[in-house]
Amino acid sequence: MWWPGALWQPLRAVLLAAAFEWGVALHGLNAVQEEETNDAAKSAQKSALIRKMVRQVCKDYVLIPALSRRRWRRTLGANVVANGLRSGWAYIVIVCGHFVDGAEKFTPSVLENETQPEWYLRQMLGTANFEAGTVLGFMTGNLCYQIEHHLFPDLPHNRYPEIAKRVRALCVTYDLPYTTGPLHRQYLLTVRTICKLALPDRFLSATCDDAPETASEHKFRNANKCPESPLGGDGVRRRGLVTAIRAHRNRRLSSEPFVA
């Protein structure tokens, strides 16, 4: 349900990019507080975060500049720019892995009685990669492989490129989507999504479950079975999610009225 306050979303996204480390901290605080059962524990968590933030600010913008003595202004400016660039880059890497077209959005109900195989499937469908060479991969800590990062969160990041080949091959075999693309394309899609979702729902290209910006598992709720079946990697005919999504999209497009 759209509300007028959503119009501020693009501005909030810019502010989040500029202060991403604090945005992540607040998100972590909210996650921790949701698990607490009383106000005293929630207040303690909040106080701990505030103390940590104060220490970090004092170190970056008071102590280190003070060590430069007469050049403290230059050091202070350098720290502000460096932290801003770091936050902006981290923001780009993270949003490109979660908010692009093809990264499915799930309702809380899917968590109920979720099995381990379903968890792995949700991690894969809810994230996206972007293409990167050796240098760009190093600059992102290999988080350009966000799918693999979600599937194997304890795996060292230098193993992601190796694992990605096996994950992609598995997706081809079982007709599952593997969302990836160039960094600039993924980021522009993310910006488009943020700006478009700041507007009323009628600006979506389809229903909230079908539109690429908000696609969810409910898109198939009323879908009929389709006989189309691709060949799996083992030669056995198999109809998977990629085929189902393509067939669903084709049916939706064919039902839309033609506008001259």
C-alpha atoms as a PDB file:
ATOM      1  CA  MET A   1       0.000   0.000   0.000  1.00  0.00           C
ATOM      2  CA  TRP A   2       1.501   3.324  -1.139  1.00  0.00           C
ATOM      3  CA  TRP A   3       1.705   6.296   1.226  1.00  0.00           C
ATOM      4  CA  PRO A   4       2.868   9.910   0.510  1.00  0.00           C
ATOM      5  CA  GLY A   5       5.959   9.542   2.685  1.00  0.00           C
ATOM      6  CA  ALA A   6       7.358   7.157   0.074  1.00  0.00           C
ATOM      7  CA  LEU A   7       8.088  10.171  -2.143  1.00  0.00           C
ATOM      8  CA  TRP A   8      11.129  10.800   0.055  1.00  0.00           C
ATOM      9  CA  GLN A   9      12.643   7.400  -0.816  1.00  0.00           C
ATOM     10  CA  PRO A  10      15.150   8.636  -3.439  1.00  0.00           C
ATOM     11  CA  LEU A  11      16.473  11.272  -1.028  1.00  0.00           C
ATOM     12  CA  ARG A  12      16.662   8.733   1.778  1.00  0.00           C
ATOM     13  CA  ALA A  13      18.618   6.425  -0.531  1.00  0.00           C
ATOM     14  CA  VAL A  14      21.163   9.178  -1.221  1.00  0.00           C
ATOM     15  CA  LEU A  15      21.524   9.889   2.506  1.00  0.00           C
ATOM     16  CA  LEU A  16      21.914   6.172   3.205  1.00  0.00           C
ATOM     17  CA  ALA A  17      24.655   5.913   0.590  1.00  0.00           C
ATOM     18  CA  ALA A  18      26.511   8.839   2.180  1.00  0.00           C
ATOM     19  CA  ALA A  19      26.305   7.355   5.689  1.00  0.00           C
ATOM     20  CA  PHE A  20      26.002   3.668   4.920  1.00  0.00           C
ATOM     21  CA  GLU A  21      28.005   2.458   7.911  1.00  0.00           C
ATOM     22  CA  TRP A  22      25.526   4.151  10.262  1.00  0.00           C
ATOM     23  CA  GLY A  23      22.581   2.797   8.283  1.00  0.00           C
ATOM     24  CA  VAL A  24      23.941  -0.725   8.674  1.00  0.00           C
ATOM     25  CA  ALA A  25      24.446  -0.094  12.393  1.00  0.00           C
ATOM     26  CA  LEU A  26      20.843   1.037  12.850  1.00  0.00           C
ATOM     27  CA  HIS A  27      19.585  -1.935  10.859  1.00  0.00           C
ATOM     28  CA  GLY A  28      21.574  -4.248  13.116  1.00  0.00           C
ATOM     29  CA  LEU A  29      20.184  -2.499  16.183  1.00  0.00           C
ATOM     30  CA  ASN A  30      16.605  -2.975  14.997  1.00  0.00           C
ATOM     31  CA  ALA A  31      17.271  -6.652  14.283  1.00  0.00           C
ATOM     32  CA  VAL A  32      18.738  -7.209  17.747  1.00  0.00           C
ATOM     33  CA  GLN A  33      15.977  -5.269  19.521  1.00  0.00           C
ATOM     34  CA  GLU A  34      13.297  -7.372  17.847  1.00  0.00           C
ATOM     35  CA  GLU A  35      14.710 -10.400  19.650  1.00  0.00           C
ATOM     36  CA  GLU A  36      14.622  -8.729  23.065  1.00  0.00           C
ATOM     37  CA  THR A  37      11.574  -9.227  25.276  1.00  0.00           C
ATOM     38  CA  ASN A  38      11.720  -6.156  27.553  1.00  0.00           C
ATOM     39  CA  ASP A  39      12.377  -2.434  27.248  1.00  0.00           C
ATOM     40  CA  ALA A  40      15.416  -2.510  29.516  1.00  0.00           C
ATOM     41  CA  ALA A  41      17.267  -4.909  27.216  1.00  0.00           C
ATOM     42  CA  LYS A  42      16.322  -2.841  24.173  1.00  0.00           C
ATOM     43  CA  SER A  43      17.582   0.300  25.869  1.00  0.00           C
ATOM     44  CA  ALA A  44      20.861  -1.419  26.734  1.00  0.00           C
ATOM     45  CA  GLN A  45      21.382  -2.397  23.104  1.00  0.00           C
ATOM     46  CA  LYS A  46      20.686   1.176  22.002  1.00  0.00           C
ATOM     47  CA  SER A  47      23.114   2.607  24.553  1.00  0.00           C
ATOM     48  CA  ALA A  48      25.829   0.193  23.469  1.00  0.00           C
ATOM     49  CA  LEU A  49      25.408   1.267  19.835  1.00  0.00           C
ATOM     50  CA  ILE A  50      25.517   4.965  20.738  1.00  0.00           C
ATOM     51  CA  ARG A  51      28.756   4.473  22.693  1.00  0.00           C
ATOM     52  CA  LYS A  52      30.309   2.639  19.758  1.00  0.00           C
ATOM     53  CA  MET A  53      29.251   5.363  17.325  1.00  0.00           C
ATOM     54  CA  VAL A  54      30.649   8.102  19.590  1.00  0.00           C
ATOM     55  CA  ARG A  55      34.003   6.292  19.852  1.00  0.00           C
ATOM     56  CA  GLN A  56      34.193   5.913  16.073  1.00  0.00           C
ATOM     57  CA  VAL A  57      33.328   9.567  15.426  1.00  0.00           C
ATOM     58  CA  CYS A  58      35.869  10.748  17.987  1.00  0.00           C
ATOM     59  CA  LYS A  59      38.584   8.605  16.474  1.00  0.00           C
ATOM     60  CA  ASP A  60      37.929   9.610  12.838  1.00  0.00           C
ATOM     61  CA  TYR A  61      37.112  13.274  13.294  1.00  0.00           C
ATOM     62  CA  VAL A  62      38.853  14.335  16.534  1.00  0.00           C
ATOM     63  CA  LEU A  63      41.767  12.108  17.552  1.00  0.00           C
ATOM     64  CA  ILE A  64      43.342  11.370  14.164  1.00  0.00           C
ATOM     65  CA  PRO A  65      43.045  14.983  12.913  1.00  0.00           C
ATOM     66  CA  ALA A  66      44.548  16.160  16.213  1.00  0.00           C
ATOM     67  CA  LEU A  67      47.610  13.995  15.574  1.00  0.00           C
ATOM     68  CA  SER A  68      48.222  16.023  12.419  1.00  0.00           C
ATOM     69  CA  ARG A  69      48.546  19.168  14.546  1.00  0.00           C
ATOM     70  CA  ARG A  70      48.677  22.169  12.175  1.00  0.00           C
ATOM     71  CA  ARG A  71      47.318  20.106   9.299  1.00  0.00           C
ATOM     72  CA  TRP A  72      44.293  18.898  11.226  1.00  0.00           C
ATOM     73  CA  ARG A  73      41.880  20.557   8.784  1.00  0.00           C
ATOM     74  CA  ARG A  74      43.375  18.683   5.865  1.00  0.00           C
ATOM     75  CA  THR A  75      43.273  15.379   7.770  1.00  0.00           C
ATOM     76  CA  LEU A  76      39.695  16.005   8.861  1.00  0.00           C
ATOM     77  CA  GLY A  77      38.623  16.724   5.280  1.00  0.00           C
ATOM     78  CA  ALA A  78      40.466  13.645   4.016  1.00  0.00           C
ATOM     79  CA  ASN A  79      38.708  11.445   6.578  1.00  0.00           C
ATOM     80  CA  VAL A  80      35.298  12.871   5.655  1.00  0.00           C
ATOM     81  CA  VAL A  81      35.921  12.224   1.952  1.00  0.00           C
ATOM     82  CA  ALA A  82      37.399   8.767   2.557  1.00  0.00           C
ATOM     83  CA  ASN A  83      34.513   7.644   4.747  1.00  0.00           C
ATOM     84  CA  GLY A  84      32.001   9.063   2.279  1.00  0.00           C
ATOM     85  CA  LEU A  85      33.585   7.219  -0.645  1.00  0.00           C
ATOM     86  CA  ARG A  86      33.757   4.002   1.353  1.00  0.00           C
ATOM     87  CA  SER A  87      30.116   4.267   2.373  1.00  0.00           C
ATOM     88  CA  GLY A  88      29.005   5.068  -1.175  1.00  0.00           C
ATOM     89  CA  TRP A  89      30.928   2.162  -2.658  1.00  0.00           C
ATOM     90  CA  ALA A  90      29.668  -0.283  -0.021  1.00  0.00           C
ATOM     91  CA  TYR A  91      26.110   0.925  -0.693  1.00  0.00           C
ATOM     92  CA  ILE A  92      26.445   0.308  -4.437  1.00  0.00           C
ATOM     93  CA  VAL A  93      27.846  -3.192  -3.926  1.00  0.00           C
ATOM     94  CA  ILE A  94      25.136  -4.183  -1.447  1.00  0.00           C
ATOM     95  CA  VAL A  95      22.088  -2.781  -3.271  1.00  0.00           C
ATOM     96  CA  CYS A  96      23.236  -4.312  -6.570  1.00  0.00           C
ATOM     97  CA  GLY A  97      23.125  -7.681  -4.869  1.00  0.00           C
ATOM     98  CA  HIS A  98      19.614  -7.361  -3.479  1.00  0.00           C
ATOM     99  CA  PHE A  99      17.361  -4.858  -5.286  1.00  0.00           C
ATOM    100  CA  VAL A 100      17.845  -5.444  -9.011  1.00  0.00           C
ATOM    101  CA  ASP A 101      15.309  -7.014 -11.345  1.00  0.00           C
ATOM    102  CA  GLY A 102      15.409 -10.786 -10.950  1.00  0.00           C
ATOM    103  CA  ALA A 103      16.101 -10.708  -7.206  1.00  0.00           C
ATOM    104  CA  GLU A 104      12.814 -12.073  -5.873  1.00  0.00           C
ATOM    105  CA  LYS A 105      11.041 -10.527  -2.876  1.00  0.00           C
ATOM    106  CA  PHE A 106       9.513 -12.919  -0.338  1.00  0.00           C
ATOM    107  CA  THR A 107       6.689 -12.450   2.118  1.00  0.00           C
ATOM    108  CA  PRO A 108       7.271 -13.402   5.803  1.00  0.00           C
ATOM    109  CA  SER A 109       4.954 -16.389   5.390  1.00  0.00           C
ATOM    110  CA  VAL A 110       7.618 -18.295   3.442  1.00  0.00           C
ATOM    111  CA  LEU A 111       9.703 -18.539   6.629  1.00  0.00           C
ATOM    112  CA  GLU A 112       7.067 -20.651   8.336  1.00  0.00           C
ATOM    113  CA  ASN A 113       8.071 -24.310   8.260  1.00  0.00           C
ATOM    114  CA  GLU A 114      10.798 -23.537   5.723  1.00  0.00           C
ATOM    115  CA  THR A 115      12.985 -26.576   5.012  1.00  0.00           C
ATOM    116  CA  GLN A 116      16.738 -26.416   4.494  1.00  0.00           C
ATOM    117  CA  PRO A 117      16.475 -26.966   0.705  1.00  0.00           C
ATOM    118  CA  GLU A 118      13.852 -24.191   0.568  1.00  0.00           C
ATOM    119  CA  TRP A 119      16.215 -21.918   2.497  1.00  0.00           C
ATOM    120  CA  TYR A 120      18.967 -22.472  -0.073  1.00  0.00           C
ATOM    121  CA  LEU A 121      16.527 -21.797  -2.899  1.00  0.00           C
ATOM    122  CA  ARG A 122      15.343 -18.565  -1.279  1.00  0.00           C
ATOM    123  CA  GLN A 123      18.920 -17.342  -0.776  1.00  0.00           C
ATOM    124  CA  MET A 124      19.662 -17.950  -4.439  1.00  0.00           C
ATOM    125  CA  LEU A 125      16.458 -16.425  -5.818  1.00  0.00           C
ATOM    126  CA  GLY A 126      16.525 -13.401  -3.513  1.00  0.00           C
ATOM    127  CA  THR A 127      19.993 -12.178  -4.509  1.00  0.00           C
ATOM    128  CA  ALA A 128      21.869 -11.189  -7.643  1.00  0.00           C
ATOM    129  CA  ASN A 129      25.451 -10.966  -8.853  1.00  0.00           C
ATOM    130  CA  PHE A 130      27.213  -8.455 -11.045  1.00  0.00           C
ATOM    131  CA  GLU A 131      30.004  -9.222 -13.472  1.00  0.00           C
ATOM    132  CA  ALA A 132      33.506  -8.339 -12.298  1.00  0.00           C
ATOM    133  CA  GLY A 133      37.061  -9.117 -13.276  1.00  0.00           C
ATOM    134  CA  THR A 134      39.966  -9.678 -10.921  1.00  0.00           C
ATOM    135  CA  VAL A 135      40.432  -6.025  -9.945  1.00  0.00           C
ATOM    136  CA  LEU A 136      36.739  -5.193  -9.470  1.00  0.00           C
ATOM    137  CA  GLY A 137      36.217  -8.469  -7.638  1.00  0.00           C
ATOM    138  CA  PHE A 138      39.015  -7.560  -5.231  1.00  0.00           C
ATOM    139  CA  MET A 139      37.537  -4.080  -4.708  1.00  0.00           C
ATOM    140  CA  THR A 140      34.213  -5.625  -3.682  1.00  0.00           C
ATOM    141  CA  GLY A 141      35.691  -8.342  -1.482  1.00  0.00           C
ATOM    142  CA  ASN A 142      34.149 -10.710  -4.052  1.00  0.00           C
ATOM    143  CA  LEU A 143      30.678  -9.612  -2.937  1.00  0.00           C
ATOM    144  CA  CYS A 144      29.980  -9.292  -6.652  1.00  0.00           C
ATOM    145  CA  TYR A 145      29.192 -12.999  -6.072  1.00  0.00           C
ATOM    146  CA  GLN A 146      26.282 -12.182  -3.771  1.00  0.00           C
ATOM    147  CA  ILE A 147      24.420 -15.392  -4.668  1.00  0.00           C
ATOM    148  CA  GLU A 148      27.326 -17.538  -3.562  1.00  0.00           C
ATOM    149  CA  HIS A 149      27.836 -15.359  -0.492  1.00  0.00           C
ATOM    150  CA  HIS A 150      24.257 -16.062   0.617  1.00  0.00           C
ATOM    151  CA  LEU A 151      24.426 -19.756  -0.199  1.00  0.00           C
ATOM    152  CA  PHE A 152      27.751 -20.277   1.617  1.00  0.00           C
ATOM    153  CA  PRO A 153      28.145 -17.410   4.156  1.00  0.00           C
ATOM    154  CA  ASP A 154      31.007 -19.159   5.973  1.00  0.00           C
ATOM    155  CA  LEU A 155      33.048 -19.789   2.815  1.00  0.00           C
ATOM    156  CA  PRO A 156      36.188 -17.626   2.340  1.00  0.00           C
ATOM    157  CA  HIS A 157      35.435 -14.967  -0.269  1.00  0.00           C
ATOM    158  CA  ASN A 158      38.361 -15.986  -2.487  1.00  0.00           C
ATOM    159  CA  ARG A 159      36.548 -19.262  -3.193  1.00  0.00           C
ATOM    160  CA  TYR A 160      33.411 -17.575  -4.573  1.00  0.00           C
ATOM    161  CA  PRO A 161      34.605 -17.446  -8.227  1.00  0.00           C
ATOM    162  CA  GLU A 162      35.312 -21.173  -8.149  1.00  0.00           C
ATOM    163  CA  ILE A 163      31.988 -22.029  -6.515  1.00  0.00           C
ATOM    164  CA  ALA A 164      30.096 -19.690  -8.867  1.00  0.00           C
ATOM    165  CA  LYS A 165      30.883 -21.929 -11.843  1.00  0.00           C
ATOM    166  CA  ARG A 166      29.355 -24.928 -10.079  1.00  0.00           C
ATOM    167  CA  VAL A 167      26.305 -22.965  -8.896  1.00  0.00           C
ATOM    168  CA  ARG A 168      25.659 -21.612 -12.399  1.00  0.00           C
ATOM    169  CA  ALA A 169      25.992 -25.109 -13.896  1.00  0.00           C
ATOM    170  CA  LEU A 170      23.532 -26.449 -11.313  1.00  0.00           C
ATOM    171  CA  CYS A 171      21.069 -23.690 -12.215  1.00  0.00           C
ATOM    172  CA  VAL A 172      21.288 -24.626 -15.896  1.00  0.00           C
ATOM    173  CA  THR A 173      20.735 -28.293 -15.110  1.00  0.00           C
ATOM    174  CA  TYR A 174      17.637 -27.675 -13.019  1.00  0.00           C
ATOM    175  CA  ASP A 175      16.314 -24.718 -15.040  1.00  0.00           C
ATOM    176  CA  LEU A 176      16.744 -22.237 -12.175  1.00  0.00           C
ATOM    177  CA  PRO A 177      17.435 -18.494 -12.613  1.00  0.00           C
ATOM    178  CA  TYR A 178      20.916 -17.132 -12.001  1.00  0.00           C
ATOM    179  CA  THR A 179      20.644 -13.342 -11.969  1.00  0.00           C
ATOM    180  CA  THR A 180      23.728 -11.400 -13.031  1.00  0.00           C
ATOM    181  CA  GLY A 181      24.771  -8.535 -15.291  1.00  0.00           C
ATOM    182  CA  PRO A 182      27.242  -5.644 -15.687  1.00  0.00           C
ATOM    183  CA  LEU A 183      27.676  -3.428 -12.623  1.00  0.00           C
ATOM    184  CA  HIS A 184      26.426  -0.264 -14.309  1.00  0.00           C
ATOM    185  CA  ARG A 185      23.283  -2.021 -15.529  1.00  0.00           C
ATOM    186  CA  GLN A 186      22.537  -3.553 -12.128  1.00  0.00           C
ATOM    187  CA  TYR A 187      22.995  -0.224 -10.385  1.00  0.00           C
ATOM    188  CA  LEU A 188      20.800   1.686 -12.848  1.00  0.00           C
ATOM    189  CA  LEU A 189      18.076  -0.919 -12.366  1.00  0.00           C
ATOM    190  CA  THR A 190      18.358  -0.412  -8.628  1.00  0.00           C
ATOM    191  CA  VAL A 191      18.065   3.372  -8.955  1.00  0.00           C
ATOM    192  CA  ARG A 192      15.051   2.918 -11.222  1.00  0.00           C
ATOM    193  CA  THR A 193      13.420   0.614  -8.678  1.00  0.00           C
ATOM    194  CA  ILE A 194      13.972   3.039  -5.771  1.00  0.00           C
ATOM    195  CA  CYS A 195      12.575   5.976  -7.753  1.00  0.00           C
ATOM    196  CA  LYS A 196       9.666   4.028  -9.216  1.00  0.00           C
ATOM    197  CA  LEU A 197       8.562   2.581  -5.892  1.00  0.00           C
ATOM    198  CA  ALA A 198       8.438   6.095  -4.461  1.00  0.00           C
ATOM    199  CA  LEU A 199       5.393   6.635  -6.700  1.00  0.00           C
ATOM    200  CA  PRO A 200       1.867   5.191  -6.367  1.00  0.00           C
ATOM    201  CA  ASP A 201       1.351   1.521  -7.250  1.00  0.00           C
ATOM    202  CA  ARG A 202      -0.329   2.363 -10.559  1.00  0.00           C
ATOM    203  CA  PHE A 203       3.095   3.255 -11.965  1.00  0.00           C
ATOM    204  CA  LEU A 204       4.219  -0.376 -11.676  1.00  0.00           C
ATOM    205  CA  SER A 205       4.301  -2.241 -14.979  1.00  0.00           C
ATOM    206  CA  ALA A 206       2.128  -5.019 -13.517  1.00  0.00           C
ATOM    207  CA  THR A 207       0.684  -6.114 -10.178  1.00  0.00           C
ATOM    208  CA  CYS A 208       2.977  -5.905  -7.157  1.00  0.00           C
ATOM    209  CA  ASP A 209       3.644  -9.658  -7.442  1.00  0.00           C
ATOM    210  CA  ASP A 210       4.400  -9.536 -11.191  1.00  0.00           C
ATOM    211  CA  ALA A 211       6.264  -6.247 -11.665  1.00  0.00           C
ATOM    212  CA  PRO A 212      10.058  -6.707 -11.990  1.00  0.00           C
ATOM    213  CA  GLU A 213      10.603  -4.219  -9.164  1.00  0.00           C
ATOM    214  CA  THR A 214       8.530  -6.191  -6.641  1.00  0.00           C
ATOM    215  CA  ALA A 215       8.196  -9.706  -8.065  1.00  0.00           C
ATOM    216  CA  SER A 216       7.364 -12.332  -5.464  1.00  0.00           C
ATOM    217  CA  GLU A 217       6.489 -16.012  -5.239  1.00  0.00           C
ATOM    218  CA  HIS A 218       2.775 -15.120  -5.426  1.00  0.00           C
ATOM    219  CA  LYS A 219       3.034 -14.433  -9.149  1.00  0.00           C
ATOM    220  CA  PHE A 220       2.218 -18.107  -9.768  1.00  0.00           C
ATOM    221  CA  ARG A 221      -0.735 -18.255  -7.388  1.00  0.00           C
ATOM    222  CA  ASN A 222      -3.324 -18.365 -10.186  1.00  0.00           C
ATOM    223  CA  ALA A 223      -1.110 -19.616 -12.973  1.00  0.00           C
ATOM    224  CA  ASN A 224      -2.103 -22.635 -15.009  1.00  0.00           C
ATOM    225  CA  LYS A 225       0.312 -25.429 -15.687  1.00  0.00           C
ATOM    226  CA  CYS A 226       2.311 -25.051 -18.881  1.00  0.00           C
ATOM    227  CA  PRO A 227       3.422 -28.068 -20.940  1.00  0.00           C
ATOM    228  CA  GLU A 228       6.632 -26.370 -22.068  1.00  0.00           C
ATOM    229  CA  SER A 229       9.647 -28.399 -20.858  1.00  0.00           C
ATOM    230  CA  PRO A 230      13.316 -27.833 -21.625  1.00  0.00           C
ATOM    231  CA  LEU A 231      15.919 -30.571 -21.627  1.00  0.00           C
ATOM    232  CA  GLY A 232      17.915 -30.805 -18.435  1.00  0.00           C
ATOM    233  CA  GLY A 233      21.680 -31.298 -18.442  1.00  0.00           C
ATOM    234  CA  ASP A 234      21.208 -35.029 -18.022  1.00  0.00           C
ATOM    235  CA  GLY A 235      18.970 -35.298 -21.094  1.00  0.00           C
ATOM    236  CA  VAL A 236      15.797 -35.675 -19.019  1.00  0.00           C
ATOM    237  CA  ARG A 237      12.953 -33.314 -19.843  1.00  0.00           C
ATOM    238  CA  ARG A 238      12.567 -30.958 -16.923  1.00  0.00           C
ATOM    239  CA  ARG A 239      10.453 -27.858 -16.434  1.00  0.00           C
ATOM    240  CA  GLY A 240      11.966 -25.529 -13.882  1.00  0.00           C
ATOM    241  CA  LEU A 241      11.541 -21.997 -12.598  1.00  0.00           C
ATOM    242  CA  VAL A 242      13.221 -20.266 -15.558  1.00  0.00           C
ATOM    243  CA  THR A 243      10.717 -21.827 -17.951  1.00  0.00           C
ATOM    244  CA  ALA A 244       7.828 -21.086 -15.593  1.00  0.00           C
ATOM    245  CA  ILE A 245       8.835 -17.401 -15.292  1.00  0.00           C
ATOM    246  CA  ARG A 246       9.233 -17.085 -19.066  1.00  0.00           C
ATOM    247  CA  ALA A 247       5.878 -18.721 -19.738  1.00  0.00           C
ATOM    248  CA  HIS A 248       4.165 -16.584 -17.095  1.00  0.00           C
ATOM    249  CA  ARG A 249       5.658 -13.408 -18.556  1.00  0.00           C
ATOM    250  CA  ASN A 250       4.621 -14.371 -22.082  1.00  0.00           C
ATOM    251  CA  ARG A 251       1.057 -15.053 -20.936  1.00  0.00           C
ATOM    252  CA  ARG A 252       0.914 -11.715 -19.142  1.00  0.00           C
ATOM    253  CA  LEU A 253       2.282  -9.798 -22.121  1.00  0.00           C
ATOM    254  CA  SER A 254      -0.099 -11.515 -24.536  1.00  0.00           C
ATOM    255  CA  SER A 255      -3.064 -10.547 -22.348  1.00  0.00           C
ATOM    256  CA  GLU A 256      -2.127  -6.847 -22.213  1.00  0.00           C
ATOM    257  CA  PRO A 257      -4.030  -4.559 -24.613  1.00  0.00           C
ATOM    258  CA  PHE A 258      -2.108  -3.140 -27.556  1.00  0.00           C
ATOM    259  CA  VAL A 259      -1.561   0.627 -27.380  1.00  0.00           C
ATOM    260  CA  ALA A 260      -0.740   2.411 -30.651  1.00  0.00           C
END
